[in-house]
N, C-alpha and C. Protein backbone atom coordinates (compact mmCIF):
# COMPACT_ATOMS: atom_id res chain seq x y z
N MET A 1 110.23 131.68 22.51
CA MET A 1 108.95 132.38 22.46
C MET A 1 108.98 133.41 21.32
N ASN A 2 107.90 133.48 20.55
CA ASN A 2 107.92 134.43 19.45
C ASN A 2 107.34 135.78 19.88
N LYS A 3 107.52 136.77 19.02
CA LYS A 3 107.13 138.14 19.35
C LYS A 3 105.63 138.29 19.52
N SER A 4 104.83 137.51 18.79
CA SER A 4 103.38 137.63 18.92
C SER A 4 102.93 137.19 20.31
N VAL A 5 103.55 136.14 20.85
CA VAL A 5 103.22 135.69 22.20
C VAL A 5 103.64 136.75 23.21
N GLU A 6 104.82 137.31 23.00
CA GLU A 6 105.31 138.36 23.90
C GLU A 6 104.34 139.54 23.93
N SER A 7 103.84 139.94 22.77
CA SER A 7 102.91 141.06 22.69
C SER A 7 101.61 140.77 23.43
N VAL A 8 101.10 139.55 23.28
CA VAL A 8 99.86 139.17 23.96
C VAL A 8 100.01 139.31 25.47
N PHE A 9 101.14 138.86 26.02
CA PHE A 9 101.31 138.89 27.47
C PHE A 9 101.72 140.26 27.98
N ASN A 10 102.40 141.03 27.17
CA ASN A 10 102.65 142.42 27.56
C ASN A 10 101.32 143.16 27.73
N ASN A 11 100.40 142.93 26.82
CA ASN A 11 99.09 143.59 26.87
C ASN A 11 98.24 143.11 28.04
N ALA A 12 98.47 141.87 28.48
CA ALA A 12 97.65 141.30 29.54
C ALA A 12 98.18 141.59 30.94
N ALA A 13 99.37 142.15 31.04
CA ALA A 13 100.07 142.26 32.33
C ALA A 13 99.29 143.02 33.39
N ALA A 14 98.64 144.10 33.01
CA ALA A 14 98.00 144.97 33.99
C ALA A 14 96.93 144.25 34.82
N ASP A 15 96.17 143.37 34.18
CA ASP A 15 95.06 142.71 34.87
C ASP A 15 95.28 141.22 35.10
N TYR A 16 96.49 140.77 34.84
CA TYR A 16 96.77 139.33 34.84
C TYR A 16 96.44 138.67 36.19
N ASP A 17 96.96 139.22 37.27
CA ASP A 17 96.76 138.61 38.59
C ASP A 17 95.30 138.61 39.01
N ARG A 18 94.62 139.71 38.77
CA ARG A 18 93.22 139.83 39.18
C ARG A 18 92.35 138.78 38.50
N GLN A 19 92.71 138.43 37.28
CA GLN A 19 91.90 137.49 36.51
C GLN A 19 92.24 136.02 36.79
N ARG A 20 93.42 135.77 37.37
CA ARG A 20 93.88 134.39 37.52
C ARG A 20 92.86 133.48 38.21
N ARG A 21 92.35 133.92 39.34
CA ARG A 21 91.46 133.06 40.11
C ARG A 21 90.21 132.69 39.32
N LYS A 22 89.76 133.58 38.44
CA LYS A 22 88.55 133.31 37.66
C LYS A 22 88.84 132.50 36.40
N LEU A 23 90.08 132.59 35.91
CA LEU A 23 90.44 131.87 34.70
C LEU A 23 90.99 130.47 34.99
N ILE A 24 91.31 130.22 36.26
CA ILE A 24 91.79 128.90 36.67
C ILE A 24 90.78 128.34 37.67
N PRO A 25 89.85 127.50 37.22
CA PRO A 25 88.79 127.01 38.11
C PRO A 25 89.30 126.30 39.36
N CYS A 26 90.49 125.71 39.27
CA CYS A 26 91.07 124.95 40.39
C CYS A 26 92.19 125.73 41.05
N PHE A 27 92.11 127.04 41.06
CA PHE A 27 93.21 127.94 41.44
C PHE A 27 93.90 127.54 42.74
N ASP A 28 93.15 127.37 43.82
CA ASP A 28 93.76 127.12 45.13
C ASP A 28 94.54 125.81 45.16
N ASP A 29 93.96 124.74 44.66
CA ASP A 29 94.66 123.46 44.63
C ASP A 29 95.84 123.50 43.66
N PHE A 30 95.64 124.15 42.54
CA PHE A 30 96.67 124.23 41.50
C PHE A 30 97.96 124.83 42.06
N TYR A 31 97.85 126.01 42.65
CA TYR A 31 99.04 126.67 43.19
C TYR A 31 99.45 126.10 44.55
N GLY A 32 98.48 125.70 45.35
CA GLY A 32 98.79 125.17 46.67
C GLY A 32 99.56 123.86 46.62
N ILE A 33 99.10 122.94 45.77
CA ILE A 33 99.78 121.66 45.64
C ILE A 33 101.15 121.84 44.98
N ALA A 34 101.21 122.68 43.96
CA ALA A 34 102.50 122.94 43.31
C ALA A 34 103.51 123.49 44.31
N SER A 35 103.08 124.41 45.15
CA SER A 35 103.98 125.01 46.14
C SER A 35 104.45 123.99 47.17
N SER A 36 103.57 123.06 47.54
CA SER A 36 103.91 122.07 48.56
C SER A 36 105.02 121.13 48.11
N LEU A 37 105.27 121.06 46.81
CA LEU A 37 106.31 120.20 46.27
C LEU A 37 107.70 120.83 46.34
N ALA A 38 107.76 122.11 46.68
CA ALA A 38 109.04 122.84 46.72
C ALA A 38 109.79 122.51 48.00
N VAL A 39 110.32 121.30 48.04
CA VAL A 39 111.00 120.80 49.24
C VAL A 39 112.50 120.96 49.09
N SER A 40 113.13 121.50 50.13
CA SER A 40 114.58 121.67 50.12
C SER A 40 115.13 121.49 51.53
N LYS A 41 116.32 120.92 51.62
CA LYS A 41 116.98 120.78 52.92
C LYS A 41 117.54 122.12 53.40
N SER A 42 117.69 123.05 52.49
CA SER A 42 118.22 124.37 52.82
C SER A 42 117.10 125.33 53.22
N ASP A 43 117.38 126.19 54.18
CA ASP A 43 116.43 127.24 54.54
C ASP A 43 116.50 128.41 53.57
N ALA A 44 117.55 128.42 52.75
CA ALA A 44 117.74 129.50 51.79
C ALA A 44 118.11 128.92 50.43
N PRO A 45 117.21 128.16 49.83
CA PRO A 45 117.52 127.52 48.54
C PRO A 45 117.61 128.53 47.41
N SER A 46 118.32 128.14 46.38
CA SER A 46 118.39 128.93 45.15
C SER A 46 117.27 128.45 44.24
N ILE A 47 116.40 129.38 43.83
CA ILE A 47 115.17 129.02 43.11
C ILE A 47 115.09 129.78 41.79
N LEU A 48 114.72 129.08 40.73
CA LEU A 48 114.53 129.68 39.42
C LEU A 48 113.07 129.52 39.01
N ASP A 49 112.45 130.63 38.60
CA ASP A 49 111.07 130.62 38.12
C ASP A 49 111.07 130.91 36.63
N LEU A 50 110.72 129.90 35.83
CA LEU A 50 110.71 130.02 34.38
C LEU A 50 109.38 130.55 33.89
N GLY A 51 109.42 131.64 33.10
CA GLY A 51 108.18 132.26 32.66
C GLY A 51 107.44 132.82 33.84
N ALA A 52 108.17 133.53 34.69
CA ALA A 52 107.67 133.96 36.01
C ALA A 52 106.50 134.91 35.94
N GLY A 53 106.35 135.62 34.83
CA GLY A 53 105.24 136.56 34.71
C GLY A 53 105.26 137.61 35.80
N THR A 54 104.14 137.74 36.50
CA THR A 54 104.01 138.75 37.56
C THR A 54 104.56 138.26 38.90
N GLY A 55 105.11 137.05 38.92
CA GLY A 55 105.67 136.52 40.15
C GLY A 55 104.65 135.82 41.04
N LEU A 56 103.51 135.44 40.49
CA LEU A 56 102.45 134.83 41.30
C LEU A 56 102.91 133.52 41.95
N PHE A 57 103.43 132.59 41.16
CA PHE A 57 103.91 131.32 41.71
C PHE A 57 105.06 131.57 42.69
N SER A 58 105.96 132.45 42.33
CA SER A 58 107.09 132.77 43.20
C SER A 58 106.64 133.33 44.55
N SER A 59 105.52 134.03 44.56
CA SER A 59 105.05 134.59 45.83
C SER A 59 104.66 133.49 46.80
N TYR A 60 104.17 132.38 46.29
CA TYR A 60 103.86 131.23 47.15
C TYR A 60 105.15 130.61 47.69
N ILE A 61 106.13 130.48 46.82
CA ILE A 61 107.38 129.83 47.20
C ILE A 61 108.18 130.67 48.19
N ILE A 62 108.22 131.97 47.97
CA ILE A 62 109.01 132.82 48.85
C ILE A 62 108.37 132.94 50.24
N SER A 63 107.08 132.68 50.33
CA SER A 63 106.45 132.65 51.65
C SER A 63 106.92 131.43 52.44
N LEU A 64 107.31 130.37 51.73
CA LEU A 64 107.85 129.18 52.37
C LEU A 64 109.33 129.35 52.70
N TYR A 65 110.04 130.06 51.83
CA TYR A 65 111.48 130.27 51.97
C TYR A 65 111.81 131.76 51.84
N PRO A 66 111.53 132.54 52.88
CA PRO A 66 111.75 133.99 52.78
C PRO A 66 113.21 134.38 52.59
N ASP A 67 114.13 133.48 52.93
CA ASP A 67 115.56 133.78 52.77
C ASP A 67 116.14 133.20 51.48
N SER A 68 115.29 132.69 50.64
CA SER A 68 115.76 132.07 49.41
C SER A 68 116.37 133.10 48.46
N LYS A 69 117.19 132.59 47.55
CA LYS A 69 117.72 133.41 46.46
C LYS A 69 116.88 133.07 45.23
N LEU A 70 116.07 134.03 44.79
CA LEU A 70 115.06 133.77 43.77
C LEU A 70 115.39 134.50 42.47
N THR A 71 115.37 133.76 41.36
CA THR A 71 115.59 134.34 40.03
C THR A 71 114.32 134.19 39.21
N LEU A 72 113.80 135.30 38.71
CA LEU A 72 112.61 135.30 37.87
C LEU A 72 113.03 135.63 36.44
N ILE A 73 112.66 134.78 35.50
CA ILE A 73 112.95 135.05 34.09
C ILE A 73 111.66 135.00 33.29
N ASP A 74 111.48 136.01 32.44
CA ASP A 74 110.30 136.10 31.58
C ASP A 74 110.65 136.98 30.40
N PHE A 75 110.10 136.69 29.23
CA PHE A 75 110.39 137.51 28.05
C PHE A 75 109.58 138.80 28.03
N SER A 76 108.55 138.90 28.88
CA SER A 76 107.69 140.08 28.90
C SER A 76 108.15 141.09 29.94
N GLU A 77 108.62 142.23 29.48
CA GLU A 77 109.06 143.30 30.38
C GLU A 77 107.88 143.80 31.22
N ALA A 78 106.70 143.85 30.62
CA ALA A 78 105.52 144.34 31.35
C ALA A 78 105.17 143.41 32.50
N MET A 79 105.27 142.12 32.27
CA MET A 79 104.99 141.15 33.33
C MET A 79 106.02 141.29 34.46
N LEU A 80 107.29 141.38 34.11
CA LEU A 80 108.33 141.50 35.12
C LEU A 80 108.21 142.80 35.91
N SER A 81 107.70 143.83 35.27
CA SER A 81 107.46 145.09 35.98
C SER A 81 106.47 144.88 37.11
N LYS A 82 105.43 144.07 36.85
CA LYS A 82 104.46 143.76 37.89
C LYS A 82 105.10 142.92 39.00
N ALA A 83 106.01 142.04 38.63
CA ALA A 83 106.72 141.24 39.63
C ALA A 83 107.58 142.13 40.52
N ARG A 84 108.23 143.11 39.93
CA ARG A 84 109.05 144.04 40.72
C ARG A 84 108.19 144.81 41.71
N GLU A 85 106.99 145.16 41.30
CA GLU A 85 106.06 145.84 42.22
C GLU A 85 105.67 144.89 43.35
N ARG A 86 105.40 143.64 43.02
CA ARG A 86 104.99 142.66 44.01
C ARG A 86 106.06 142.46 45.08
N PHE A 87 107.32 142.39 44.64
CA PHE A 87 108.42 142.10 45.55
C PHE A 87 109.25 143.34 45.87
N SER A 88 108.63 144.50 45.80
CA SER A 88 109.32 145.76 46.05
C SER A 88 110.00 145.74 47.43
N GLY A 89 111.27 146.14 47.45
CA GLY A 89 112.00 146.20 48.70
C GLY A 89 112.74 144.93 49.07
N MET A 90 112.53 143.86 48.29
CA MET A 90 113.20 142.60 48.58
C MET A 90 114.50 142.52 47.77
N SER A 91 115.60 142.30 48.46
CA SER A 91 116.91 142.33 47.81
C SER A 91 117.39 140.96 47.34
N ASN A 92 116.64 139.92 47.66
CA ASN A 92 117.09 138.56 47.33
C ASN A 92 116.46 138.03 46.04
N ILE A 93 115.99 138.95 45.19
CA ILE A 93 115.33 138.55 43.94
C ILE A 93 116.04 139.17 42.74
N LYS A 94 116.30 138.34 41.74
CA LYS A 94 116.95 138.75 40.51
C LYS A 94 115.94 138.63 39.37
N TYR A 95 115.94 139.59 38.45
CA TYR A 95 115.01 139.60 37.33
C TYR A 95 115.79 139.51 36.01
N ILE A 96 115.34 138.65 35.13
CA ILE A 96 115.96 138.50 33.82
C ILE A 96 114.88 138.61 32.75
N ALA A 97 114.99 139.57 31.88
CA ALA A 97 114.05 139.71 30.76
C ALA A 97 114.66 139.01 29.55
N ALA A 98 114.25 137.77 29.33
CA ALA A 98 114.83 136.96 28.26
C ALA A 98 113.97 135.73 28.01
N ASP A 99 114.24 135.07 26.91
CA ASP A 99 113.62 133.79 26.57
C ASP A 99 114.38 132.70 27.33
N TYR A 100 113.72 132.04 28.28
CA TYR A 100 114.42 131.07 29.12
C TYR A 100 114.93 129.86 28.34
N LEU A 101 114.34 129.58 27.20
CA LEU A 101 114.80 128.45 26.41
C LEU A 101 116.17 128.73 25.80
N ALA A 102 116.41 129.98 25.43
CA ALA A 102 117.68 130.34 24.79
C ALA A 102 118.71 130.90 25.76
N TYR A 103 118.26 131.35 26.92
CA TYR A 103 119.16 132.02 27.86
C TYR A 103 120.22 131.07 28.42
N GLU A 104 121.45 131.57 28.52
CA GLU A 104 122.56 130.78 29.06
C GLU A 104 122.71 131.09 30.55
N PHE A 105 122.19 130.21 31.39
CA PHE A 105 122.31 130.39 32.83
C PHE A 105 123.73 130.02 33.28
N ASN A 106 124.21 130.73 34.30
CA ASN A 106 125.58 130.48 34.76
C ASN A 106 125.63 130.04 36.22
N GLU A 107 124.52 129.50 36.73
CA GLU A 107 124.50 128.98 38.09
C GLU A 107 123.54 127.80 38.17
N ALA A 108 123.61 127.09 39.28
CA ALA A 108 122.72 125.94 39.50
C ALA A 108 121.67 126.30 40.54
N TYR A 109 120.60 125.51 40.58
CA TYR A 109 119.47 125.83 41.44
C TYR A 109 119.04 124.60 42.24
N ASP A 110 118.43 124.86 43.39
CA ASP A 110 117.88 123.79 44.22
C ASP A 110 116.45 123.46 43.83
N ILE A 111 115.73 124.46 43.35
CA ILE A 111 114.34 124.29 42.95
C ILE A 111 114.11 125.08 41.66
N ILE A 112 113.50 124.45 40.67
CA ILE A 112 113.08 125.15 39.45
C ILE A 112 111.57 125.01 39.34
N ILE A 113 110.89 126.14 39.18
CA ILE A 113 109.44 126.14 39.09
C ILE A 113 108.98 126.82 37.80
N SER A 114 107.78 126.52 37.41
CA SER A 114 107.17 127.19 36.27
C SER A 114 105.66 127.03 36.38
N ALA A 115 104.93 128.05 36.00
CA ALA A 115 103.46 127.98 36.03
C ALA A 115 102.88 128.61 34.76
N LEU A 116 102.12 127.82 34.05
CA LEU A 116 101.36 128.28 32.88
C LEU A 116 102.23 129.01 31.86
N SER A 117 103.37 128.41 31.58
CA SER A 117 104.29 128.98 30.60
C SER A 117 104.78 127.97 29.58
N ILE A 118 105.17 126.79 30.05
CA ILE A 118 105.82 125.82 29.18
C ILE A 118 104.89 125.31 28.08
N HIS A 119 103.58 125.41 28.29
CA HIS A 119 102.65 124.96 27.24
C HIS A 119 102.67 125.85 26.01
N HIS A 120 103.43 126.95 26.05
CA HIS A 120 103.59 127.78 24.86
C HIS A 120 104.73 127.28 23.97
N LEU A 121 105.45 126.25 24.42
CA LEU A 121 106.55 125.68 23.65
C LEU A 121 106.07 124.49 22.82
N SER A 122 106.75 124.25 21.71
CA SER A 122 106.46 123.06 20.93
C SER A 122 106.93 121.82 21.69
N GLY A 123 106.55 120.64 21.22
CA GLY A 123 106.97 119.42 21.86
C GLY A 123 108.48 119.30 21.96
N GLU A 124 109.17 119.56 20.86
CA GLU A 124 110.63 119.46 20.87
C GLU A 124 111.26 120.49 21.81
N GLU A 125 110.66 121.67 21.87
CA GLU A 125 111.17 122.69 22.79
C GLU A 125 110.96 122.28 24.24
N LYS A 126 109.83 121.66 24.53
CA LYS A 126 109.58 121.17 25.90
C LYS A 126 110.63 120.13 26.28
N ARG A 127 110.88 119.20 25.39
CA ARG A 127 111.88 118.16 25.66
C ARG A 127 113.24 118.79 25.94
N ALA A 128 113.62 119.76 25.13
CA ALA A 128 114.91 120.43 25.32
C ALA A 128 114.94 121.19 26.65
N LEU A 129 113.82 121.81 27.00
CA LEU A 129 113.77 122.56 28.26
C LEU A 129 113.86 121.63 29.46
N TYR A 130 113.17 120.51 29.42
CA TYR A 130 113.23 119.58 30.55
C TYR A 130 114.65 119.08 30.78
N LYS A 131 115.38 118.81 29.71
CA LYS A 131 116.78 118.40 29.85
C LYS A 131 117.61 119.55 30.41
N LYS A 132 117.34 120.75 29.96
CA LYS A 132 118.05 121.93 30.45
C LYS A 132 117.80 122.10 31.95
N CYS A 133 116.55 121.92 32.37
CA CYS A 133 116.23 122.05 33.78
C CYS A 133 116.96 121.00 34.62
N PHE A 134 117.00 119.77 34.11
CA PHE A 134 117.73 118.72 34.83
C PHE A 134 119.19 119.11 35.01
N ASP A 135 119.80 119.61 33.96
CA ASP A 135 121.20 119.99 34.01
C ASP A 135 121.44 121.17 34.95
N LEU A 136 120.46 122.06 35.09
CA LEU A 136 120.61 123.25 35.92
C LEU A 136 120.40 122.98 37.41
N LEU A 137 119.78 121.86 37.73
CA LEU A 137 119.49 121.56 39.14
C LEU A 137 120.70 121.00 39.87
N ASN A 138 120.81 121.38 41.14
CA ASN A 138 121.77 120.75 42.02
C ASN A 138 121.28 119.34 42.36
N PRO A 139 122.18 118.44 42.80
CA PRO A 139 121.73 117.13 43.27
C PRO A 139 120.68 117.28 44.37
N GLN A 140 119.66 116.44 44.33
CA GLN A 140 118.50 116.50 45.22
C GLN A 140 117.55 117.64 44.88
N GLY A 141 117.81 118.32 43.78
CA GLY A 141 116.95 119.42 43.36
C GLY A 141 115.62 118.93 42.81
N VAL A 142 114.64 119.81 42.82
CA VAL A 142 113.29 119.45 42.38
C VAL A 142 112.80 120.40 41.30
N PHE A 143 112.09 119.84 40.33
CA PHE A 143 111.47 120.61 39.25
C PHE A 143 109.96 120.51 39.40
N ILE A 144 109.27 121.65 39.28
CA ILE A 144 107.81 121.68 39.42
C ILE A 144 107.23 122.47 38.26
N ASN A 145 106.32 121.85 37.53
CA ASN A 145 105.67 122.53 36.42
C ASN A 145 104.16 122.48 36.60
N ALA A 146 103.57 123.61 36.95
CA ALA A 146 102.11 123.75 37.06
C ALA A 146 101.63 124.32 35.72
N ASP A 147 100.93 123.50 34.96
CA ASP A 147 100.70 123.90 33.57
C ASP A 147 99.40 123.31 33.04
N GLN A 148 99.25 123.35 31.73
CA GLN A 148 98.09 122.76 31.07
C GLN A 148 98.56 121.75 30.03
N VAL A 149 97.77 120.71 29.85
CA VAL A 149 98.12 119.66 28.89
C VAL A 149 97.00 119.46 27.88
N LEU A 150 97.36 118.83 26.80
CA LEU A 150 96.42 118.49 25.74
C LEU A 150 95.73 117.18 26.09
N GLY A 151 94.46 117.09 25.77
CA GLY A 151 93.75 115.84 25.99
C GLY A 151 94.33 114.71 25.15
N GLU A 152 94.35 113.50 25.69
CA GLU A 152 94.95 112.36 25.00
C GLU A 152 94.16 111.97 23.74
N THR A 153 92.87 112.31 23.72
CA THR A 153 92.03 112.03 22.56
C THR A 153 91.25 113.30 22.20
N GLU A 154 90.68 113.31 21.02
CA GLU A 154 89.88 114.46 20.60
C GLU A 154 88.71 114.67 21.55
N TYR A 155 88.10 113.57 21.99
CA TYR A 155 86.97 113.67 22.92
C TYR A 155 87.40 114.35 24.22
N LEU A 156 88.54 113.91 24.77
CA LEU A 156 89.00 114.49 26.04
C LEU A 156 89.40 115.95 25.87
N GLU A 157 90.03 116.27 24.75
CA GLU A 157 90.42 117.66 24.53
C GLU A 157 89.18 118.55 24.45
N ASN A 158 88.16 118.10 23.76
CA ASN A 158 86.91 118.87 23.68
C ASN A 158 86.26 118.99 25.06
N LEU A 159 86.37 117.93 25.86
CA LEU A 159 85.84 117.96 27.22
C LEU A 159 86.57 119.00 28.06
N TYR A 160 87.90 119.01 27.97
CA TYR A 160 88.71 119.98 28.72
C TYR A 160 88.31 121.41 28.34
N ARG A 161 88.24 121.64 27.05
CA ARG A 161 87.98 123.01 26.58
C ARG A 161 86.56 123.47 26.92
N SER A 162 85.59 122.59 26.82
CA SER A 162 84.22 122.99 27.12
C SER A 162 84.05 123.25 28.62
N ASP A 163 84.69 122.46 29.46
CA ASP A 163 84.61 122.70 30.90
C ASP A 163 85.20 124.06 31.24
N TRP A 164 86.39 124.35 30.69
CA TRP A 164 87.04 125.63 30.98
C TRP A 164 86.19 126.80 30.48
N SER A 165 85.69 126.67 29.27
CA SER A 165 84.87 127.73 28.69
C SER A 165 83.61 127.97 29.52
N ASN A 166 82.94 126.91 29.92
CA ASN A 166 81.73 127.05 30.73
C ASN A 166 82.03 127.73 32.07
N LYS A 167 83.15 127.35 32.68
CA LYS A 167 83.51 127.91 33.98
C LYS A 167 83.85 129.40 33.88
N ILE A 168 84.64 129.78 32.90
CA ILE A 168 85.04 131.18 32.83
C ILE A 168 83.89 132.07 32.35
N GLU A 169 83.02 131.51 31.52
CA GLU A 169 81.86 132.30 31.07
C GLU A 169 80.94 132.63 32.24
N ALA A 170 80.96 131.79 33.28
CA ALA A 170 80.12 132.01 34.46
C ALA A 170 80.88 132.67 35.60
N SER A 171 82.10 133.15 35.32
CA SER A 171 82.98 133.65 36.38
C SER A 171 82.74 135.10 36.77
N GLY A 172 82.01 135.83 35.92
CA GLY A 172 81.80 137.25 36.20
C GLY A 172 82.78 138.16 35.49
N LEU A 173 83.71 137.60 34.73
CA LEU A 173 84.63 138.42 33.95
C LEU A 173 83.88 139.17 32.86
N LYS A 174 84.37 140.33 32.53
CA LYS A 174 83.75 141.12 31.47
C LYS A 174 83.99 140.45 30.12
N ARG A 175 83.13 140.79 29.14
CA ARG A 175 83.25 140.20 27.82
C ARG A 175 84.62 140.42 27.21
N GLU A 176 85.15 141.64 27.36
CA GLU A 176 86.46 141.92 26.76
C GLU A 176 87.57 141.13 27.45
N GLU A 177 87.39 140.85 28.75
CA GLU A 177 88.37 140.03 29.46
C GLU A 177 88.33 138.59 28.99
N LEU A 178 87.13 138.09 28.77
CA LEU A 178 86.97 136.74 28.25
C LEU A 178 87.54 136.62 26.85
N ASP A 179 87.27 137.61 26.01
CA ASP A 179 87.79 137.59 24.64
C ASP A 179 89.31 137.62 24.64
N SER A 180 89.88 138.38 25.57
CA SER A 180 91.34 138.44 25.68
C SER A 180 91.91 137.08 26.10
N ALA A 181 91.22 136.40 27.01
CA ALA A 181 91.66 135.07 27.45
C ALA A 181 91.61 134.08 26.30
N TYR A 182 90.54 134.12 25.51
CA TYR A 182 90.43 133.23 24.36
C TYR A 182 91.53 133.54 23.34
N GLU A 183 91.89 134.80 23.22
CA GLU A 183 92.95 135.19 22.30
C GLU A 183 94.30 134.62 22.75
N ARG A 184 94.55 134.65 24.06
CA ARG A 184 95.82 134.12 24.57
C ARG A 184 95.92 132.60 24.35
N VAL A 185 94.79 131.93 24.39
CA VAL A 185 94.77 130.48 24.17
C VAL A 185 95.30 130.12 22.78
N LYS A 186 95.15 131.02 21.83
CA LYS A 186 95.61 130.76 20.47
C LYS A 186 97.13 130.60 20.41
N ALA A 187 97.83 131.08 21.44
CA ALA A 187 99.29 130.96 21.47
C ALA A 187 99.74 129.63 22.08
N ASP A 188 98.78 128.81 22.53
CA ASP A 188 99.13 127.54 23.18
C ASP A 188 99.64 126.51 22.18
N LYS A 189 100.61 125.70 22.65
CA LYS A 189 101.12 124.57 21.87
C LYS A 189 101.15 123.36 22.79
N MET A 190 100.03 123.04 23.37
CA MET A 190 100.00 122.04 24.43
C MET A 190 100.36 120.64 23.93
N SER A 191 101.03 119.90 24.81
CA SER A 191 101.37 118.50 24.57
C SER A 191 100.62 117.66 25.59
N ASN A 192 100.45 116.38 25.29
CA ASN A 192 99.68 115.56 26.21
C ASN A 192 100.50 115.17 27.44
N LEU A 193 99.82 114.70 28.45
CA LEU A 193 100.43 114.41 29.74
C LEU A 193 101.44 113.27 29.65
N GLN A 194 101.07 112.17 29.02
CA GLN A 194 101.95 111.01 29.00
C GLN A 194 103.27 111.29 28.30
N ASP A 195 103.22 112.06 27.23
CA ASP A 195 104.45 112.43 26.53
C ASP A 195 105.37 113.23 27.46
N GLN A 196 104.79 114.16 28.19
CA GLN A 196 105.62 115.02 29.02
C GLN A 196 106.22 114.27 30.21
N LEU A 197 105.47 113.34 30.78
CA LEU A 197 106.03 112.51 31.84
C LEU A 197 107.21 111.71 31.32
N GLN A 198 107.09 111.20 30.10
CA GLN A 198 108.17 110.42 29.50
C GLN A 198 109.37 111.32 29.20
N TRP A 199 109.12 112.54 28.73
CA TRP A 199 110.22 113.46 28.44
C TRP A 199 110.99 113.82 29.71
N LEU A 200 110.28 113.97 30.81
CA LEU A 200 110.94 114.24 32.08
C LEU A 200 111.83 113.07 32.49
N LYS A 201 111.31 111.86 32.34
CA LYS A 201 112.08 110.67 32.70
C LYS A 201 113.31 110.53 31.81
N SER A 202 113.13 110.73 30.51
CA SER A 202 114.25 110.57 29.58
C SER A 202 115.29 111.68 29.75
N SER A 203 114.91 112.78 30.40
CA SER A 203 115.86 113.86 30.69
C SER A 203 116.73 113.52 31.89
N GLY A 204 116.34 112.48 32.65
CA GLY A 204 117.13 112.06 33.79
C GLY A 204 116.42 112.18 35.13
N PHE A 205 115.22 112.75 35.13
CA PHE A 205 114.50 112.96 36.39
C PHE A 205 114.03 111.64 37.00
N SER A 206 114.07 111.57 38.32
CA SER A 206 113.52 110.47 39.10
C SER A 206 112.26 110.93 39.80
N ASP A 207 111.49 109.99 40.30
CA ASP A 207 110.26 110.30 41.04
C ASP A 207 109.33 111.22 40.23
N VAL A 208 109.28 110.97 38.93
CA VAL A 208 108.43 111.77 38.05
C VAL A 208 106.96 111.41 38.28
N ASP A 209 106.13 112.43 38.39
CA ASP A 209 104.72 112.15 38.63
C ASP A 209 103.87 113.35 38.24
N CYS A 210 102.61 113.08 37.99
CA CYS A 210 101.58 114.12 37.90
C CYS A 210 100.83 114.04 39.22
N VAL A 211 101.06 115.00 40.11
CA VAL A 211 100.49 114.91 41.46
C VAL A 211 99.13 115.61 41.57
N PHE A 212 98.75 116.33 40.53
CA PHE A 212 97.44 116.99 40.53
C PHE A 212 96.95 117.11 39.09
N LYS A 213 95.67 116.88 38.90
CA LYS A 213 95.09 117.04 37.58
C LYS A 213 93.63 117.44 37.70
N TYR A 214 93.26 118.50 37.00
CA TYR A 214 91.87 118.95 36.90
C TYR A 214 91.64 119.28 35.43
N TYR A 215 91.03 118.36 34.70
CA TYR A 215 90.89 118.52 33.26
C TYR A 215 92.25 118.80 32.64
N SER A 216 92.48 119.96 32.05
CA SER A 216 93.78 120.22 31.41
C SER A 216 94.83 120.75 32.38
N PHE A 217 94.43 121.15 33.57
CA PHE A 217 95.37 121.73 34.54
C PHE A 217 96.09 120.62 35.30
N VAL A 218 97.42 120.65 35.28
CA VAL A 218 98.20 119.60 35.92
C VAL A 218 99.37 120.20 36.70
N VAL A 219 99.88 119.43 37.65
CA VAL A 219 101.13 119.77 38.33
C VAL A 219 102.05 118.57 38.17
N LEU A 220 103.15 118.76 37.46
CA LEU A 220 104.15 117.73 37.20
C LEU A 220 105.39 118.00 38.03
N THR A 221 106.06 116.93 38.42
CA THR A 221 107.28 117.11 39.20
C THR A 221 108.27 116.00 38.93
N GLY A 222 109.53 116.28 39.24
CA GLY A 222 110.59 115.29 39.15
C GLY A 222 111.77 115.75 39.99
N ARG A 223 112.60 114.79 40.41
CA ARG A 223 113.76 115.14 41.23
C ARG A 223 115.05 114.73 40.53
N LYS A 224 116.12 115.45 40.81
CA LYS A 224 117.45 115.09 40.33
C LYS A 224 118.20 114.41 41.46
N LEU A 225 118.41 113.13 41.36
CA LEU A 225 119.07 112.38 42.42
C LEU A 225 120.57 112.29 42.15
C-alpha cells in the first residue's frame, strides 16, 4: 500500500463506520453472507483480518467466536485506533500497524478474512497475497474476501459504477462525504472476478467460489484442504 492510500484512509477513519451502510447498498447481505462462511471446528479459532480498518468485519466474526484469537492488521494507525475503541477491554485481540502484503507473519490461522481492502492491490499483488494466505492457513482453514471487482467489460464496469453512484447520491450523505468517497475510489486497482477466482485456485485453494455478488460487490471464498 502506498502513502497516498494510507493518507486517504487515515483521514476517513473518524466517520468510516457511520458511512458504511450508505456507501454499500447491499450492506447486510455483504457482511452477513461473508460472516456465515467463517466456519471452524474450533470454538476458539485463530483469525486474521487483513486490512481490518475499524474492525467492522471482525466484529461480525467475533460475535460468532467470542473466544477466538483475533489479529487485526492495517497500515492506517487512525483506523486501528477506531478498532481498539470498538474492542476495548477485550484481551484476545492483537493489533498490527503494517502493510499486510509485506509483513512477515510468524503463526498460522484457521480463518483469514478481508473486507474492502484487497481491491487496492494490483493484479500481481493480489495473486501474491492469495498465495500468502493459502500458506498462512492451517489445514481445513478458510479464506473469505468481501470486496469489489472490476466489470468484465466496459459496459458492465460502467453499469456497476452508475448503480453505485446513483445509490449513494440518494443515500442522504452530505456532499463533502460523497466527494470523499469518490476520492477514495481513485485509489482502487480492481481486478475482474474470473481472474481472481483463478488466482485463488492456482494458489492451492479448493472449493473456490463467489457466493455473493451485487454489481461490483462480491464475497469470494476458498478452503485449504
